[in-house]
Amino acid sequence: MTESSNKRPKDDLLVRYLGAAVLLCWHELPIVVQGQIMAQVEDVTGLTPIPGVRDQIARFVMLHAPR
């Protein structure tokens, strides 16, 4: 095992994996849960707000989430 494989992934990488996993099962999530996730998008602390982020994410999900 190399030294780099022993390192813990950075949080941003973990968030990317989590986001990809949510996207892969998006259409299996109850509508209420989808709504909660979309509502939370605009209240994420620690990130610079992006105007229209909710609409951008909705379009992204519709284009990329498997059905």
Protein backbone atom coordinates (compact mmCIF):
# COMPACT_ATOMS: atom_id res chain seq x y z
CA MET A 1 0.00 0.00 0.00
CA THR A 2 1.34 3.41 -0.88
CA GLU A 3 1.38 6.29 1.55
CA SER A 4 -1.19 8.23 -0.50
CA SER A 5 -3.70 5.35 -0.30
CA ASN A 6 -3.56 5.54 3.51
CA LYS A 7 -4.66 9.17 3.56
CA ARG A 8 -8.23 10.05 4.40
CA PRO A 9 -10.14 11.64 1.49
CA LYS A 10 -10.77 15.35 1.79
CA ASP A 11 -14.27 16.40 2.77
CA ASP A 12 -14.96 17.93 -0.65
CA LEU A 13 -14.26 14.58 -2.28
CA LEU A 14 -16.61 12.84 0.14
CA VAL A 15 -19.30 15.39 -0.66
CA ARG A 16 -18.79 14.74 -4.39
CA TYR A 17 -19.29 11.00 -3.83
CA LEU A 18 -22.35 11.62 -1.69
CA GLY A 19 -23.79 13.97 -4.33
CA ALA A 20 -23.18 11.40 -7.06
CA ALA A 21 -24.87 8.70 -4.97
CA VAL A 22 -27.91 10.93 -4.35
CA LEU A 23 -28.10 11.69 -8.06
CA LEU A 24 -27.99 7.98 -8.92
CA CYS A 25 -30.98 7.20 -6.71
CA TRP A 26 -32.82 10.54 -7.07
CA HIS A 27 -35.94 9.13 -8.75
CA GLU A 28 -36.21 6.40 -6.11
CA LEU A 29 -36.35 8.97 -3.29
CA PRO A 30 -39.79 9.96 -2.01
CA ILE A 31 -41.00 13.30 -3.40
CA VAL A 32 -40.95 14.73 0.15
CA VAL A 33 -37.25 13.89 0.48
CA GLN A 34 -36.48 15.33 -2.95
CA GLY A 35 -38.25 18.51 -1.87
CA GLN A 36 -36.29 18.68 1.39
CA ILE A 37 -33.01 18.30 -0.45
CA MET A 38 -33.93 20.98 -2.96
CA ALA A 39 -35.09 23.35 -0.20
CA GLN A 40 -31.81 22.81 1.66
CA VAL A 41 -29.76 23.73 -1.42
CA GLU A 42 -30.22 27.45 -0.75
CA ASP A 43 -29.36 27.13 2.96
CA VAL A 44 -25.99 25.38 2.80
CA THR A 45 -23.67 27.21 5.17
CA GLY A 46 -20.01 27.71 4.41
CA LEU A 47 -20.49 27.99 0.65
CA THR A 48 -20.74 31.13 -1.43
CA PRO A 49 -24.36 31.60 -2.50
CA ILE A 50 -25.02 31.08 -6.21
CA PRO A 51 -27.96 33.01 -7.68
CA GLY A 52 -30.50 30.58 -9.13
CA VAL A 53 -28.67 27.53 -7.75
CA ARG A 54 -31.89 25.64 -7.07
CA ASP A 55 -33.06 25.96 -10.68
CA GLN A 56 -29.62 25.00 -11.97
CA ILE A 57 -29.57 21.89 -9.79
CA ALA A 58 -33.13 20.96 -10.81
CA ARG A 59 -32.13 21.13 -14.49
CA PHE A 60 -28.97 19.11 -13.77
CA VAL A 61 -30.95 16.41 -11.95
CA MET A 62 -33.50 16.16 -14.75
CA LEU A 63 -30.72 15.78 -17.33
CA HIS A 64 -28.45 13.40 -15.44
CA ALA A 65 -30.42 11.36 -12.90
CA PRO A 66 -31.11 7.85 -14.21
CA ARG A 67 -34.77 6.91 -14.42
